[in-house]
N, C-alpha and C. Protein backbone atom coordinates (compact mmCIF):
# COMPACT_ATOMS: atom_id res chain seq x y z
N MET A 1 18.84 -8.13 14.70
CA MET A 1 17.80 -7.32 15.28
C MET A 1 16.64 -7.23 14.29
N ILE A 2 15.43 -7.26 14.82
CA ILE A 2 14.23 -7.13 13.99
C ILE A 2 13.31 -6.08 14.61
N ARG A 3 12.45 -5.53 13.77
CA ARG A 3 11.42 -4.59 14.24
C ARG A 3 10.15 -4.86 13.45
N ILE A 4 9.03 -4.51 14.05
CA ILE A 4 7.73 -4.74 13.42
C ILE A 4 7.04 -3.40 13.23
N GLY A 5 6.34 -3.25 12.10
CA GLY A 5 5.57 -2.04 11.85
C GLY A 5 4.20 -2.40 11.32
N GLN A 6 3.25 -1.52 11.55
CA GLN A 6 1.91 -1.73 11.01
C GLN A 6 1.47 -0.45 10.32
N GLY A 7 0.65 -0.61 9.31
CA GLY A 7 0.13 0.54 8.57
C GLY A 7 -1.31 0.33 8.18
N PHE A 8 -1.99 1.43 7.89
CA PHE A 8 -3.39 1.40 7.48
C PHE A 8 -3.62 2.57 6.55
N ASP A 9 -4.43 2.35 5.52
CA ASP A 9 -4.82 3.46 4.64
C ASP A 9 -6.21 3.21 4.12
N VAL A 10 -6.89 4.28 3.78
CA VAL A 10 -8.25 4.22 3.25
C VAL A 10 -8.45 5.35 2.25
N HIS A 11 -9.19 5.09 1.20
CA HIS A 11 -9.60 6.12 0.25
C HIS A 11 -11.04 5.88 -0.16
N ALA A 12 -11.74 6.96 -0.41
CA ALA A 12 -13.12 6.89 -0.88
C ALA A 12 -13.16 6.68 -2.38
N PHE A 13 -14.19 5.98 -2.84
CA PHE A 13 -14.42 5.86 -4.27
C PHE A 13 -14.97 7.18 -4.80
N GLY A 14 -14.62 7.49 -6.03
CA GLY A 14 -15.09 8.68 -6.72
C GLY A 14 -15.19 8.39 -8.19
N GLU A 15 -15.13 9.44 -8.99
CA GLU A 15 -15.21 9.27 -10.44
C GLU A 15 -13.97 8.56 -10.96
N GLY A 16 -14.14 7.80 -12.02
CA GLY A 16 -13.03 7.12 -12.67
C GLY A 16 -13.44 5.79 -13.24
N ASP A 17 -12.49 5.14 -13.89
CA ASP A 17 -12.78 3.87 -14.55
C ASP A 17 -11.82 2.76 -14.12
N HIS A 18 -10.98 3.05 -13.10
CA HIS A 18 -10.06 2.03 -12.59
C HIS A 18 -9.54 2.48 -11.22
N ILE A 19 -8.97 1.53 -10.50
CA ILE A 19 -8.22 1.87 -9.30
C ILE A 19 -6.82 1.29 -9.46
N THR A 20 -5.87 1.85 -8.73
CA THR A 20 -4.53 1.31 -8.70
C THR A 20 -4.33 0.67 -7.34
N LEU A 21 -3.92 -0.59 -7.36
CA LEU A 21 -3.75 -1.35 -6.13
C LEU A 21 -2.50 -2.20 -6.25
N GLY A 22 -1.55 -1.98 -5.36
CA GLY A 22 -0.29 -2.72 -5.43
C GLY A 22 0.46 -2.45 -6.73
N GLY A 23 0.25 -1.27 -7.29
CA GLY A 23 0.91 -0.89 -8.54
C GLY A 23 0.20 -1.37 -9.79
N VAL A 24 -0.89 -2.10 -9.64
CA VAL A 24 -1.63 -2.68 -10.77
C VAL A 24 -2.90 -1.87 -11.01
N ASN A 25 -3.13 -1.47 -12.26
CA ASN A 25 -4.38 -0.79 -12.62
C ASN A 25 -5.46 -1.84 -12.82
N ILE A 26 -6.53 -1.71 -12.04
CA ILE A 26 -7.63 -2.67 -12.06
C ILE A 26 -8.87 -1.97 -12.59
N PRO A 27 -9.44 -2.46 -13.69
CA PRO A 27 -10.66 -1.84 -14.20
C PRO A 27 -11.76 -1.86 -13.13
N HIS A 28 -12.47 -0.74 -13.02
CA HIS A 28 -13.55 -0.64 -12.03
C HIS A 28 -14.49 0.47 -12.48
N ASP A 29 -15.71 0.45 -12.01
CA ASP A 29 -16.66 1.47 -12.43
C ASP A 29 -16.46 2.80 -11.72
N ARG A 30 -15.51 2.85 -10.80
CA ARG A 30 -15.17 4.09 -10.11
C ARG A 30 -13.66 4.16 -9.91
N GLY A 31 -13.19 5.35 -9.59
CA GLY A 31 -11.80 5.55 -9.24
C GLY A 31 -11.69 5.83 -7.76
N LEU A 32 -10.55 6.34 -7.32
CA LEU A 32 -10.34 6.67 -5.92
C LEU A 32 -10.04 8.16 -5.78
N VAL A 33 -10.59 8.77 -4.74
CA VAL A 33 -10.34 10.17 -4.44
C VAL A 33 -9.04 10.22 -3.64
N ALA A 34 -8.03 10.88 -4.22
CA ALA A 34 -6.72 10.92 -3.56
C ALA A 34 -5.86 12.01 -4.16
N HIS A 35 -4.86 12.43 -3.41
CA HIS A 35 -3.89 13.40 -3.91
C HIS A 35 -2.92 12.71 -4.88
N SER A 36 -2.53 11.48 -4.54
CA SER A 36 -1.64 10.68 -5.40
C SER A 36 -2.53 9.77 -6.25
N ASP A 37 -2.02 8.59 -6.59
CA ASP A 37 -2.84 7.64 -7.36
C ASP A 37 -3.82 6.87 -6.46
N GLY A 38 -3.75 7.08 -5.15
CA GLY A 38 -4.70 6.47 -4.22
C GLY A 38 -4.47 5.00 -3.93
N ASP A 39 -3.27 4.52 -4.16
CA ASP A 39 -2.96 3.10 -3.97
C ASP A 39 -2.89 2.77 -2.48
N VAL A 40 -4.04 2.37 -1.90
CA VAL A 40 -4.11 2.12 -0.46
C VAL A 40 -3.16 1.03 -0.01
N LEU A 41 -2.92 0.05 -0.85
CA LEU A 41 -2.03 -1.06 -0.48
C LEU A 41 -0.60 -0.54 -0.30
N ILE A 42 -0.12 0.21 -1.24
CA ILE A 42 1.25 0.74 -1.14
C ILE A 42 1.34 1.78 -0.03
N HIS A 43 0.30 2.59 0.16
CA HIS A 43 0.35 3.59 1.23
C HIS A 43 0.41 2.91 2.60
N ALA A 44 -0.39 1.87 2.81
CA ALA A 44 -0.34 1.15 4.08
C ALA A 44 1.02 0.48 4.27
N LEU A 45 1.58 -0.07 3.19
CA LEU A 45 2.90 -0.70 3.27
C LEU A 45 3.97 0.34 3.62
N CYS A 46 3.93 1.50 2.99
CA CYS A 46 4.90 2.55 3.30
C CYS A 46 4.80 2.96 4.77
N ASP A 47 3.58 3.15 5.27
CA ASP A 47 3.42 3.52 6.67
C ASP A 47 3.96 2.45 7.61
N ALA A 48 3.73 1.19 7.27
CA ALA A 48 4.24 0.10 8.11
C ALA A 48 5.77 0.09 8.12
N LEU A 49 6.37 0.26 6.96
CA LEU A 49 7.83 0.27 6.87
C LEU A 49 8.43 1.45 7.62
N LEU A 50 7.85 2.63 7.41
CA LEU A 50 8.36 3.82 8.11
C LEU A 50 8.18 3.68 9.62
N GLY A 51 7.05 3.15 10.05
CA GLY A 51 6.80 2.97 11.47
C GLY A 51 7.75 1.97 12.11
N ALA A 52 8.08 0.92 11.38
CA ALA A 52 8.97 -0.11 11.93
C ALA A 52 10.34 0.45 12.29
N VAL A 53 10.80 1.45 11.57
CA VAL A 53 12.12 2.00 11.84
C VAL A 53 12.05 3.42 12.41
N ALA A 54 10.87 3.78 12.91
CA ALA A 54 10.65 5.06 13.59
C ALA A 54 11.00 6.27 12.73
N LEU A 55 10.56 6.23 11.48
CA LEU A 55 10.81 7.35 10.56
C LEU A 55 9.52 8.11 10.23
N GLY A 56 8.55 8.06 11.12
CA GLY A 56 7.34 8.83 10.91
C GLY A 56 6.32 8.08 10.07
N ASP A 57 5.64 8.82 9.20
CA ASP A 57 4.61 8.22 8.36
C ASP A 57 4.64 8.80 6.96
N ILE A 58 3.81 8.27 6.11
CA ILE A 58 3.80 8.66 4.71
C ILE A 58 3.45 10.14 4.54
N GLY A 59 2.55 10.66 5.38
CA GLY A 59 2.18 12.07 5.30
C GLY A 59 3.32 13.01 5.62
N ARG A 60 4.20 12.58 6.49
CA ARG A 60 5.37 13.40 6.84
C ARG A 60 6.36 13.48 5.67
N HIS A 61 6.54 12.37 4.98
CA HIS A 61 7.52 12.32 3.89
C HIS A 61 6.94 12.81 2.56
N PHE A 62 5.64 12.61 2.36
CA PHE A 62 5.00 12.96 1.09
C PHE A 62 3.68 13.67 1.36
N PRO A 63 3.71 14.89 1.89
CA PRO A 63 2.49 15.58 2.29
C PRO A 63 1.55 15.87 1.11
N ASP A 64 0.25 15.72 1.37
CA ASP A 64 -0.71 15.99 0.30
C ASP A 64 -0.87 17.48 0.03
N SER A 65 -0.18 18.30 0.81
CA SER A 65 -0.17 19.74 0.54
C SER A 65 0.92 20.11 -0.47
N ASP A 66 1.74 19.15 -0.87
CA ASP A 66 2.84 19.39 -1.80
C ASP A 66 2.43 18.92 -3.20
N ASP A 67 2.35 19.85 -4.12
CA ASP A 67 1.89 19.54 -5.48
C ASP A 67 2.80 18.57 -6.24
N GLN A 68 4.05 18.42 -5.81
CA GLN A 68 4.93 17.48 -6.52
C GLN A 68 4.44 16.04 -6.40
N TYR A 69 3.57 15.77 -5.42
CA TYR A 69 3.06 14.41 -5.24
C TYR A 69 1.65 14.23 -5.83
N ARG A 70 1.09 15.28 -6.44
CA ARG A 70 -0.24 15.18 -7.03
C ARG A 70 -0.21 14.16 -8.17
N GLY A 71 -1.04 13.12 -8.04
CA GLY A 71 -1.16 12.10 -9.08
C GLY A 71 0.04 11.16 -9.18
N ILE A 72 0.98 11.22 -8.26
CA ILE A 72 2.21 10.43 -8.36
C ILE A 72 1.91 8.93 -8.27
N ASP A 73 2.69 8.17 -8.99
CA ASP A 73 2.65 6.72 -8.92
C ASP A 73 3.20 6.32 -7.56
N SER A 74 2.39 5.65 -6.75
CA SER A 74 2.79 5.30 -5.39
C SER A 74 4.00 4.37 -5.36
N ARG A 75 4.28 3.68 -6.45
CA ARG A 75 5.48 2.84 -6.48
C ARG A 75 6.73 3.71 -6.31
N GLN A 76 6.71 4.94 -6.81
CA GLN A 76 7.84 5.84 -6.61
C GLN A 76 8.01 6.14 -5.12
N LEU A 77 6.90 6.33 -4.43
CA LEU A 77 6.97 6.59 -2.99
C LEU A 77 7.54 5.38 -2.26
N LEU A 78 7.09 4.19 -2.62
CA LEU A 78 7.58 2.97 -1.99
C LEU A 78 9.08 2.80 -2.20
N ARG A 79 9.55 3.03 -3.41
CA ARG A 79 10.99 2.88 -3.67
C ARG A 79 11.80 3.88 -2.83
N HIS A 80 11.25 5.08 -2.64
CA HIS A 80 11.93 6.07 -1.79
C HIS A 80 11.97 5.59 -0.33
N VAL A 81 10.86 5.04 0.14
CA VAL A 81 10.81 4.51 1.51
C VAL A 81 11.82 3.38 1.68
N ILE A 82 11.91 2.50 0.70
CA ILE A 82 12.90 1.40 0.76
C ILE A 82 14.32 1.98 0.82
N ASP A 83 14.59 3.04 0.07
CA ASP A 83 15.91 3.69 0.13
C ASP A 83 16.16 4.25 1.53
N LEU A 84 15.14 4.84 2.15
CA LEU A 84 15.28 5.36 3.52
C LEU A 84 15.61 4.23 4.50
N LEU A 85 14.91 3.10 4.34
CA LEU A 85 15.18 1.95 5.20
C LEU A 85 16.61 1.47 5.04
N ARG A 86 17.00 1.32 3.79
CA ARG A 86 18.36 0.83 3.49
C ARG A 86 19.40 1.77 4.10
N SER A 87 19.19 3.08 3.95
CA SER A 87 20.12 4.06 4.51
C SER A 87 20.19 3.99 6.03
N ALA A 88 19.08 3.58 6.66
CA ALA A 88 19.04 3.47 8.12
C ALA A 88 19.53 2.10 8.60
N GLY A 89 19.92 1.21 7.65
CA GLY A 89 20.48 -0.08 8.03
C GLY A 89 19.47 -1.21 8.15
N TRP A 90 18.34 -1.10 7.46
CA TRP A 90 17.28 -2.10 7.54
C TRP A 90 16.89 -2.60 6.16
N ARG A 91 16.27 -3.78 6.14
CA ARG A 91 15.68 -4.32 4.91
C ARG A 91 14.39 -5.03 5.28
N LEU A 92 13.52 -5.20 4.31
CA LEU A 92 12.26 -5.88 4.56
C LEU A 92 12.49 -7.37 4.80
N GLY A 93 11.92 -7.88 5.88
CA GLY A 93 11.93 -9.32 6.14
C GLY A 93 10.72 -9.96 5.48
N ASN A 94 9.53 -9.43 5.79
CA ASN A 94 8.31 -9.87 5.12
C ASN A 94 7.22 -8.83 5.33
N ALA A 95 6.22 -8.88 4.47
CA ALA A 95 5.06 -8.00 4.56
C ALA A 95 3.80 -8.83 4.38
N ASP A 96 2.82 -8.56 5.21
CA ASP A 96 1.51 -9.20 5.13
C ASP A 96 0.48 -8.10 4.99
N LEU A 97 -0.26 -8.11 3.87
CA LEU A 97 -1.17 -7.02 3.52
C LEU A 97 -2.58 -7.55 3.33
N THR A 98 -3.56 -6.85 3.89
CA THR A 98 -4.95 -7.24 3.76
C THR A 98 -5.75 -6.08 3.17
N VAL A 99 -6.30 -6.29 1.98
CA VAL A 99 -7.16 -5.31 1.32
C VAL A 99 -8.60 -5.57 1.74
N VAL A 100 -9.32 -4.51 2.10
CA VAL A 100 -10.71 -4.63 2.52
C VAL A 100 -11.58 -3.87 1.53
N THR A 101 -12.39 -4.63 0.76
CA THR A 101 -13.26 -4.02 -0.24
C THR A 101 -14.33 -5.01 -0.69
N GLN A 102 -15.49 -4.51 -1.03
CA GLN A 102 -16.53 -5.36 -1.62
C GLN A 102 -16.21 -5.60 -3.09
N SER A 103 -15.71 -4.57 -3.75
CA SER A 103 -15.32 -4.68 -5.15
C SER A 103 -14.29 -3.60 -5.43
N PRO A 104 -13.43 -3.80 -6.39
CA PRO A 104 -13.39 -4.92 -7.33
C PRO A 104 -12.76 -6.16 -6.69
N ARG A 105 -12.86 -7.27 -7.39
CA ARG A 105 -12.22 -8.50 -6.93
C ARG A 105 -10.70 -8.31 -7.03
N VAL A 106 -10.03 -8.64 -5.97
CA VAL A 106 -8.58 -8.42 -5.88
C VAL A 106 -7.80 -9.66 -6.29
N SER A 107 -8.31 -10.85 -5.97
CA SER A 107 -7.53 -12.09 -6.15
C SER A 107 -6.97 -12.30 -7.55
N PRO A 108 -7.67 -11.92 -8.64
CA PRO A 108 -7.06 -12.14 -9.96
C PRO A 108 -5.79 -11.31 -10.20
N HIS A 109 -5.54 -10.32 -9.35
CA HIS A 109 -4.42 -9.40 -9.58
C HIS A 109 -3.28 -9.56 -8.57
N VAL A 110 -3.45 -10.48 -7.61
CA VAL A 110 -2.48 -10.62 -6.53
C VAL A 110 -1.09 -10.97 -7.04
N SER A 111 -0.98 -11.91 -7.94
CA SER A 111 0.35 -12.32 -8.44
C SER A 111 1.10 -11.15 -9.06
N ALA A 112 0.42 -10.35 -9.86
CA ALA A 112 1.06 -9.19 -10.49
C ALA A 112 1.49 -8.18 -9.43
N MET A 113 0.64 -7.97 -8.42
CA MET A 113 0.98 -7.04 -7.34
C MET A 113 2.22 -7.52 -6.59
N VAL A 114 2.25 -8.79 -6.25
CA VAL A 114 3.38 -9.35 -5.50
C VAL A 114 4.67 -9.15 -6.28
N GLU A 115 4.65 -9.42 -7.57
CA GLU A 115 5.86 -9.26 -8.40
C GLU A 115 6.34 -7.81 -8.39
N LEU A 116 5.43 -6.86 -8.56
CA LEU A 116 5.82 -5.44 -8.58
C LEU A 116 6.37 -5.00 -7.22
N LEU A 117 5.67 -5.38 -6.15
CA LEU A 117 6.11 -4.97 -4.82
C LEU A 117 7.45 -5.60 -4.45
N ALA A 118 7.65 -6.85 -4.81
CA ALA A 118 8.93 -7.50 -4.52
C ALA A 118 10.06 -6.78 -5.25
N ALA A 119 9.82 -6.39 -6.49
CA ALA A 119 10.85 -5.65 -7.24
C ALA A 119 11.14 -4.32 -6.56
N ASP A 120 10.09 -3.60 -6.15
CA ASP A 120 10.28 -2.29 -5.53
C ASP A 120 10.92 -2.39 -4.15
N CYS A 121 10.63 -3.48 -3.43
CA CYS A 121 11.17 -3.66 -2.07
C CYS A 121 12.50 -4.40 -2.06
N ASP A 122 13.00 -4.76 -3.25
CA ASP A 122 14.27 -5.47 -3.37
C ASP A 122 14.27 -6.73 -2.51
N CYS A 123 13.20 -7.55 -2.70
CA CYS A 123 13.08 -8.78 -1.96
C CYS A 123 12.50 -9.87 -2.86
N LEU A 124 12.37 -11.04 -2.35
CA LEU A 124 11.77 -12.15 -3.09
C LEU A 124 10.25 -12.09 -3.00
N PRO A 125 9.54 -12.53 -4.04
CA PRO A 125 8.08 -12.53 -3.98
C PRO A 125 7.52 -13.28 -2.77
N LYS A 126 8.21 -14.32 -2.31
CA LYS A 126 7.71 -15.10 -1.17
C LYS A 126 7.76 -14.30 0.14
N GLN A 127 8.35 -13.11 0.12
CA GLN A 127 8.39 -12.26 1.30
C GLN A 127 7.19 -11.32 1.38
N ILE A 128 6.34 -11.35 0.35
CA ILE A 128 5.17 -10.48 0.29
C ILE A 128 3.92 -11.35 0.22
N ASN A 129 2.98 -11.10 1.11
CA ASN A 129 1.70 -11.81 1.09
C ASN A 129 0.58 -10.79 0.98
N ILE A 130 -0.32 -11.00 0.02
CA ILE A 130 -1.47 -10.12 -0.17
C ILE A 130 -2.73 -10.96 -0.14
N LYS A 131 -3.68 -10.51 0.66
CA LYS A 131 -4.98 -11.18 0.69
C LYS A 131 -6.06 -10.11 0.69
N ALA A 132 -7.27 -10.53 0.39
CA ALA A 132 -8.39 -9.58 0.36
C ALA A 132 -9.56 -10.16 1.12
N THR A 133 -10.37 -9.26 1.66
CA THR A 133 -11.57 -9.67 2.37
C THR A 133 -12.65 -8.63 2.15
N THR A 134 -13.86 -9.01 2.42
CA THR A 134 -14.97 -8.07 2.44
C THR A 134 -15.36 -7.86 3.90
N THR A 135 -16.28 -6.97 4.13
CA THR A 135 -16.83 -6.79 5.48
C THR A 135 -18.29 -7.25 5.51
N GLU A 136 -18.61 -8.18 4.62
CA GLU A 136 -19.98 -8.74 4.56
C GLU A 136 -21.02 -7.63 4.46
N ARG A 137 -20.67 -6.62 3.64
CA ARG A 137 -21.54 -5.48 3.36
C ARG A 137 -21.77 -4.56 4.56
N LEU A 138 -20.92 -4.65 5.58
CA LEU A 138 -21.01 -3.78 6.74
C LEU A 138 -20.00 -2.64 6.63
N GLY A 139 -20.32 -1.48 7.20
CA GLY A 139 -19.40 -0.35 7.23
C GLY A 139 -19.21 0.31 5.87
N PHE A 140 -18.29 1.29 5.83
CA PHE A 140 -18.10 2.05 4.60
C PHE A 140 -17.59 1.20 3.44
N THR A 141 -16.73 0.21 3.72
CA THR A 141 -16.27 -0.65 2.63
C THR A 141 -17.39 -1.56 2.16
N GLY A 142 -18.19 -2.05 3.09
CA GLY A 142 -19.31 -2.91 2.74
C GLY A 142 -20.37 -2.21 1.93
N ARG A 143 -20.54 -0.92 2.18
CA ARG A 143 -21.50 -0.13 1.40
C ARG A 143 -20.92 0.32 0.06
N GLY A 144 -19.67 -0.02 -0.20
CA GLY A 144 -19.05 0.36 -1.46
C GLY A 144 -18.64 1.82 -1.52
N GLU A 145 -18.40 2.44 -0.37
CA GLU A 145 -18.01 3.84 -0.33
C GLU A 145 -16.51 4.04 -0.48
N GLY A 146 -15.73 2.99 -0.21
CA GLY A 146 -14.29 3.14 -0.28
C GLY A 146 -13.59 1.81 -0.13
N ILE A 147 -12.29 1.90 -0.02
CA ILE A 147 -11.42 0.73 0.06
C ILE A 147 -10.37 1.00 1.14
N ALA A 148 -9.93 -0.05 1.83
CA ALA A 148 -8.95 0.11 2.90
C ALA A 148 -7.91 -1.00 2.79
N CYS A 149 -6.79 -0.80 3.47
CA CYS A 149 -5.76 -1.83 3.51
C CYS A 149 -5.01 -1.75 4.83
N TYR A 150 -4.75 -2.93 5.40
CA TYR A 150 -3.92 -3.08 6.58
C TYR A 150 -2.60 -3.71 6.16
N ALA A 151 -1.51 -3.27 6.80
CA ALA A 151 -0.19 -3.83 6.49
C ALA A 151 0.57 -4.10 7.78
N VAL A 152 1.24 -5.23 7.84
CA VAL A 152 2.16 -5.56 8.92
C VAL A 152 3.47 -5.99 8.27
N VAL A 153 4.57 -5.45 8.78
CA VAL A 153 5.88 -5.79 8.22
C VAL A 153 6.84 -6.16 9.34
N LEU A 154 7.79 -6.98 8.96
CA LEU A 154 8.94 -7.27 9.79
C LEU A 154 10.14 -6.74 9.02
N VAL A 155 10.97 -5.94 9.69
CA VAL A 155 12.19 -5.47 9.05
C VAL A 155 13.37 -6.05 9.82
N VAL A 156 14.46 -6.26 9.10
CA VAL A 156 15.64 -6.93 9.64
C VAL A 156 16.85 -6.00 9.47
N ALA A 157 17.66 -5.90 10.51
CA ALA A 157 18.88 -5.10 10.40
C ALA A 157 19.81 -5.73 9.38
N VAL A 158 20.45 -4.89 8.59
CA VAL A 158 21.37 -5.36 7.55
C VAL A 158 22.71 -5.66 8.16
């Protein structure tokens, strides 16, 4: 048996000197405004995984009204989501993730992101695909106001 999930996340740029994306700290002239570390890639992935197995969404499991998640490393959230999947009898089949941003450049960091996510998801790196695109300077990402990520996952019954 298989199931499919999709996720989306967005955060605005704010003060800071780096962003965290796929667990990797990327130098940047701004940071992200968020309750956690603002890792849109991991947040979209978590939502896709939770949705695939009908376990709600990231906000239900890790509400931004709860101070225990303030500034948390999103990799911790992802590992918890993977544990929930495993307990429900599922595992990740594959994940396809698309980061939408004008800057910073994502491609130099994709390999490191894939390695970290594969470790956290207890899967092979070839099961994770990360790509990036711009919006040709259109919309909030094109104006450099924020960053977004789309995620699609396939989960497989264990």
